[in-house]
């Protein structure tokens, strides 16, 4: 019971930090395109981990990882560090905050459904009842007491796919990677994501990364805070919590 309580506490704290994602993103998207913002935040997060844990020790850990583990780490990186954030930020540009709030509730729903079929996890009656109450509350808050009528926008489908990508990455971690140290997961996830965004995507698509705004010290400070707290700390706590609690409970915590 203590183990589960500790995991839930870490999960809620992770969600608290991650809840600032849209706040920072709204400010930073005025200066950066979504792909550049995602890549920069991941690169800064990876550099921070190497600074705190040491480059050589982490390199030795990566060298010892079996090829199957590296394969699933790559899949998680593509889902959670490339596709999900890029889809979310591109969707945010063409949809409303109300729609974003409501559609984001699909992530725990997707997580619960996939966990049932793949991890054989079941949801208790209390957990189901609590999740339904939280979803109702989110709808009331998001629509300001049902005063705002949600309308369909082009970006909504991107946010739906983004929620699915994050749910899939949670399930894959729980099934194949829960024994890996959280800092190693976060390091490789962000490093692979940054490499894909800065080196691979520009070679495939007509993608131009404008880094000129980084010369603004205030903006640089914002993106560093965004990277360390919203990305790095929230991810570390999230993966640590997943080691201690079932995936469907972790998914429900995102409703906070």
Protein backbone atom coordinates (compact mmCIF):
# COMPACT_ATOMS: atom_id res chain seq x y z
CA UNK A 1 0.00 0.00 0.00
CA UNK A 2 2.87 2.37 0.85
CA UNK A 3 4.46 1.58 -2.52
CA UNK A 4 1.25 2.45 -4.36
CA UNK A 5 0.72 5.64 -2.35
CA UNK A 6 4.28 6.74 -3.17
CA UNK A 7 3.68 6.03 -6.86
CA UNK A 8 0.41 7.98 -6.87
CA UNK A 9 2.12 10.91 -5.13
CA UNK A 10 4.88 10.96 -7.74
CA UNK A 11 2.33 10.69 -10.54
CA UNK A 12 0.27 13.62 -9.26
CA UNK A 13 3.43 15.74 -8.82
CA UNK A 14 4.46 14.84 -12.36
CA UNK A 15 1.06 15.95 -13.67
CA UNK A 16 1.36 19.20 -11.68
CA UNK A 17 4.60 20.09 -13.48
CA UNK A 18 3.31 18.91 -16.85
CA UNK A 19 0.15 21.02 -16.44
CA UNK A 20 2.28 24.09 -17.15
CA UNK A 21 3.09 22.70 -20.63
CA UNK A 22 0.35 24.57 -22.48
CA UNK A 23 1.03 27.80 -20.51
CA UNK A 24 4.70 27.90 -21.51
CA UNK A 25 3.97 26.58 -25.00
CA UNK A 26 1.48 29.36 -25.73
CA UNK A 27 4.17 31.95 -24.95
CA UNK A 28 7.03 30.17 -26.73
CA UNK A 29 5.01 29.33 -29.86
CA UNK A 30 4.88 33.06 -30.61
CA UNK A 31 8.61 32.87 -31.39
CA UNK A 32 9.27 29.24 -32.36
CA UNK A 33 7.49 26.82 -34.65
CA UNK A 34 6.18 23.68 -32.85
CA UNK A 35 8.91 21.38 -34.17
CA UNK A 36 11.73 23.70 -33.06
CA UNK A 37 10.19 24.17 -29.61
CA UNK A 38 9.85 20.42 -29.07
CA UNK A 39 13.39 19.72 -30.29
CA UNK A 40 14.98 22.48 -28.20
CA UNK A 41 13.22 21.50 -24.98
CA UNK A 42 14.23 17.88 -25.43
CA UNK A 43 17.84 18.75 -26.23
CA UNK A 44 18.12 20.95 -23.13
CA UNK A 45 16.55 18.20 -21.00
CA UNK A 46 19.01 15.60 -22.31
CA UNK A 47 21.99 17.91 -21.67
CA UNK A 48 20.75 18.55 -18.11
CA UNK A 49 20.61 14.80 -17.38
CA UNK A 50 24.14 14.30 -18.70
CA UNK A 51 25.29 17.22 -16.54
CA UNK A 52 23.72 15.86 -13.33
CA UNK A 53 24.36 12.13 -13.83
CA UNK A 54 27.59 12.29 -15.81
CA UNK A 55 28.23 11.63 -19.49
CA UNK A 56 30.45 8.55 -19.15
CA UNK A 57 28.32 6.72 -16.52
CA UNK A 58 25.18 7.15 -18.64
CA UNK A 59 27.05 6.11 -21.79
CA UNK A 60 28.16 2.89 -20.07
CA UNK A 61 24.56 2.15 -19.05
CA UNK A 62 23.36 2.68 -22.64
CA UNK A 63 26.13 0.41 -23.97
CA UNK A 64 24.93 -2.42 -21.68
CA UNK A 65 21.31 -2.23 -22.86
CA UNK A 66 20.17 -5.17 -25.04
CA UNK A 67 19.05 -4.46 -28.61
CA UNK A 68 15.42 -5.32 -27.80
CA UNK A 69 15.37 -2.68 -25.05
CA UNK A 70 16.89 -0.09 -27.39
CA UNK A 71 14.22 -0.95 -29.96
CA UNK A 72 11.36 -0.26 -27.54
CA UNK A 73 13.12 2.87 -26.28
CA UNK A 74 13.24 4.12 -29.86
CA UNK A 75 9.52 3.40 -30.33
CA UNK A 76 8.68 5.28 -27.11
CA UNK A 77 10.86 8.19 -28.23
CA UNK A 78 9.13 8.44 -31.61
CA UNK A 79 5.68 8.25 -29.99
CA UNK A 80 6.16 10.45 -26.90
CA UNK A 81 9.03 12.73 -27.91
CA UNK A 82 8.28 13.36 -31.59
CA UNK A 83 4.74 12.54 -32.70
CA UNK A 84 2.72 13.35 -29.55
CA UNK A 85 4.16 16.81 -28.71
CA UNK A 86 4.36 17.89 -32.37
CA UNK A 87 0.74 16.88 -32.97
CA UNK A 88 -0.38 18.59 -29.76
CA UNK A 89 1.39 21.88 -30.47
CA UNK A 90 0.29 21.95 -34.12
CA UNK A 91 -3.26 21.21 -32.98
CA UNK A 92 -3.10 24.00 -30.39
CA UNK A 93 -2.39 26.50 -33.15
CA UNK A 94 -5.70 25.79 -34.90
CA UNK A 95 -8.11 24.81 -32.13
CA UNK A 96 -9.49 26.31 -28.94
CA UNK A 97 -8.33 25.87 -25.35
CA UNK A 98 -11.77 24.43 -24.51
CA UNK A 99 -11.42 21.71 -27.12
CA UNK A 100 -7.87 20.96 -25.99
CA UNK A 101 -8.98 20.50 -22.37
CA UNK A 102 -11.85 18.18 -23.29
CA UNK A 103 -10.02 16.14 -25.94
CA UNK A 104 -7.01 15.63 -23.65
CA UNK A 105 -9.29 13.47 -21.48
CA UNK A 106 -8.99 10.78 -24.13
CA UNK A 107 -5.44 9.94 -23.02
CA UNK A 108 -6.47 8.17 -19.76
CA UNK A 109 -9.36 6.55 -21.63
CA UNK A 110 -6.99 5.20 -24.29
CA UNK A 111 -4.53 4.12 -21.59
CA UNK A 112 -7.21 2.23 -19.66
CA UNK A 113 -8.51 0.44 -22.76
CA UNK A 114 -5.06 -0.57 -24.03
CA UNK A 115 -3.94 -1.60 -20.51
CA UNK A 116 -6.97 -3.89 -20.26
CA UNK A 117 -6.15 -5.74 -23.47
CA UNK A 118 -2.34 -5.77 -23.36
CA UNK A 119 -1.43 -5.62 -19.65
CA UNK A 120 -4.60 -7.40 -18.42
CA UNK A 121 -5.19 -4.58 -15.94
CA UNK A 122 -8.70 -4.02 -14.63
CA UNK A 123 -10.21 -0.85 -13.18
CA UNK A 124 -11.92 -0.96 -9.78
CA UNK A 125 -15.43 0.39 -9.32
CA UNK A 126 -14.14 3.27 -7.15
CA UNK A 127 -11.48 4.16 -9.71
CA UNK A 128 -14.03 4.13 -12.54
CA UNK A 129 -16.52 6.23 -10.55
CA UNK A 130 -13.81 8.72 -9.55
CA UNK A 131 -12.57 9.03 -13.13
CA UNK A 132 -16.10 9.72 -14.41
CA UNK A 133 -16.58 12.46 -11.79
CA UNK A 134 -13.24 14.04 -12.77
CA UNK A 135 -14.15 13.96 -16.47
CA UNK A 136 -17.48 15.67 -15.71
CA UNK A 137 -15.62 18.28 -13.68
CA UNK A 138 -13.13 18.91 -16.49
CA UNK A 139 -15.98 19.40 -18.98
CA UNK A 140 -17.72 21.88 -16.63
CA UNK A 141 -14.47 23.83 -16.09
CA UNK A 142 -13.44 23.70 -19.75
CA UNK A 143 -16.79 24.99 -20.95
CA UNK A 144 -17.18 27.47 -18.05
CA UNK A 145 -20.23 25.78 -16.64
CA UNK A 146 -21.43 24.54 -20.05
CA UNK A 147 -21.60 28.21 -21.12
CA UNK A 148 -19.25 27.59 -24.03
CA UNK A 149 -20.40 25.21 -26.73
CA UNK A 150 -17.44 23.20 -28.06
CA UNK A 151 -17.04 23.39 -31.84
CA UNK A 152 -15.06 21.10 -34.11
CA UNK A 153 -11.77 22.48 -35.39
CA UNK A 154 -9.17 21.12 -37.75
CA UNK A 155 -6.61 20.75 -34.97
CA UNK A 156 -8.86 18.52 -32.83
CA UNK A 157 -7.97 15.33 -34.71
CA UNK A 158 -4.27 16.08 -34.16
CA UNK A 159 -4.84 16.27 -30.39
CA UNK A 160 -6.78 12.98 -30.47
CA UNK A 161 -3.86 11.22 -32.20
CA UNK A 162 -1.46 12.92 -29.78
CA UNK A 163 -3.38 11.49 -26.81
CA UNK A 164 -3.25 8.03 -28.40
CA UNK A 165 0.53 8.30 -28.90
CA UNK A 166 1.11 9.21 -25.25
CA UNK A 167 -1.17 6.36 -24.10
CA UNK A 168 0.71 3.86 -26.27
CA UNK A 169 4.08 5.04 -24.93
CA UNK A 170 2.85 4.53 -21.34
CA UNK A 171 1.75 0.96 -22.08
CA UNK A 172 4.99 0.11 -23.90
CA UNK A 173 7.05 1.41 -20.98
CA UNK A 174 4.99 -0.56 -18.46
CA UNK A 175 5.26 -3.78 -20.47
CA UNK A 176 8.87 -3.70 -21.68
CA UNK A 177 10.89 -0.97 -19.95
CA UNK A 178 9.72 -0.63 -16.33
CA UNK A 179 13.02 -2.12 -15.10
CA UNK A 180 15.13 0.64 -16.72
CA UNK A 181 16.31 3.59 -14.58
CA UNK A 182 14.03 6.63 -15.16
CA UNK A 183 16.92 8.99 -15.94
CA UNK A 184 18.11 6.64 -18.69
CA UNK A 185 14.61 6.48 -20.20
CA UNK A 186 14.26 10.27 -20.13
CA UNK A 187 17.78 10.79 -21.51
CA UNK A 188 17.32 8.49 -24.51
CA UNK A 189 13.73 9.57 -25.11
CA UNK A 190 14.69 13.24 -25.36
CA UNK A 191 17.99 12.65 -27.13
CA UNK A 192 16.40 10.49 -29.84
CA UNK A 193 13.56 12.99 -30.14
CA UNK A 194 15.92 15.94 -30.56
CA UNK A 195 18.03 14.10 -33.15
CA UNK A 196 14.92 13.12 -35.10
CA UNK A 197 13.54 16.66 -35.08
CA UNK A 198 16.77 18.54 -35.86
CA UNK A 199 18.48 16.08 -38.22
CA UNK A 200 15.99 13.59 -39.67
CA UNK A 201 12.82 15.65 -40.21
CA UNK A 202 14.55 18.55 -42.05
CA UNK A 203 16.09 16.00 -44.43
CA UNK A 204 12.66 14.50 -45.21
CA UNK A 205 10.36 17.52 -45.04
CA UNK A 206 10.76 21.20 -45.87
CA UNK A 207 11.40 22.12 -42.22
CA UNK A 208 13.39 25.19 -41.23
CA UNK A 209 14.51 25.66 -37.63
CA UNK A 210 14.87 29.34 -36.71
CA UNK A 211 17.02 29.60 -33.56
CA UNK A 212 17.47 33.39 -33.70
CA UNK A 213 14.96 34.01 -30.84
CA UNK A 214 17.40 32.28 -28.45
CA UNK A 215 19.49 35.48 -28.49
CA UNK A 216 16.72 37.01 -26.34
CA UNK A 217 17.81 36.28 -22.75
CA UNK A 218 14.24 36.39 -21.39
CA UNK A 219 13.03 33.90 -23.99
CA UNK A 220 16.05 31.68 -23.36
CA UNK A 221 15.21 31.69 -19.66
CA UNK A 222 11.62 30.69 -20.41
CA UNK A 223 12.64 27.74 -22.56
CA UNK A 224 15.19 26.54 -20.00
CA UNK A 225 12.55 26.60 -17.24
CA UNK A 226 10.11 24.91 -19.62
CA UNK A 227 12.67 22.18 -20.40
CA UNK A 228 13.77 21.52 -16.82
CA UNK A 229 10.44 21.57 -15.01
CA UNK A 230 7.72 20.83 -17.56
CA UNK A 231 9.76 18.26 -19.48
CA UNK A 232 12.62 16.84 -17.39
CA UNK A 233 11.22 16.72 -13.84
CA UNK A 234 7.71 15.72 -14.93
CA UNK A 235 9.05 12.86 -17.06
CA UNK A 236 11.38 11.59 -14.33
CA UNK A 237 8.54 11.51 -11.80
CA UNK A 238 6.13 10.00 -14.34
CA UNK A 239 8.34 7.03 -15.21
CA UNK A 240 9.21 6.48 -11.55
CA UNK A 241 5.50 6.40 -10.69
CA UNK A 242 4.86 3.89 -13.48
CA UNK A 243 7.30 1.53 -11.79
CA UNK A 244 5.10 1.54 -8.68
CA UNK A 245 1.49 1.68 -9.92
CA UNK A 246 -0.59 0.10 -12.72
CA UNK A 247 -0.80 1.92 -16.04
CA UNK A 248 -4.55 2.53 -15.80
CA UNK A 249 -4.15 4.27 -12.43
CA UNK A 250 -1.32 6.39 -13.84
CA UNK A 251 -3.56 7.27 -16.77
CA UNK A 252 -6.35 8.34 -14.44
CA UNK A 253 -3.94 10.63 -12.58
CA UNK A 254 -3.55 12.73 -15.73
CA UNK A 255 -7.11 13.93 -15.15
CA UNK A 256 -5.75 16.00 -12.27
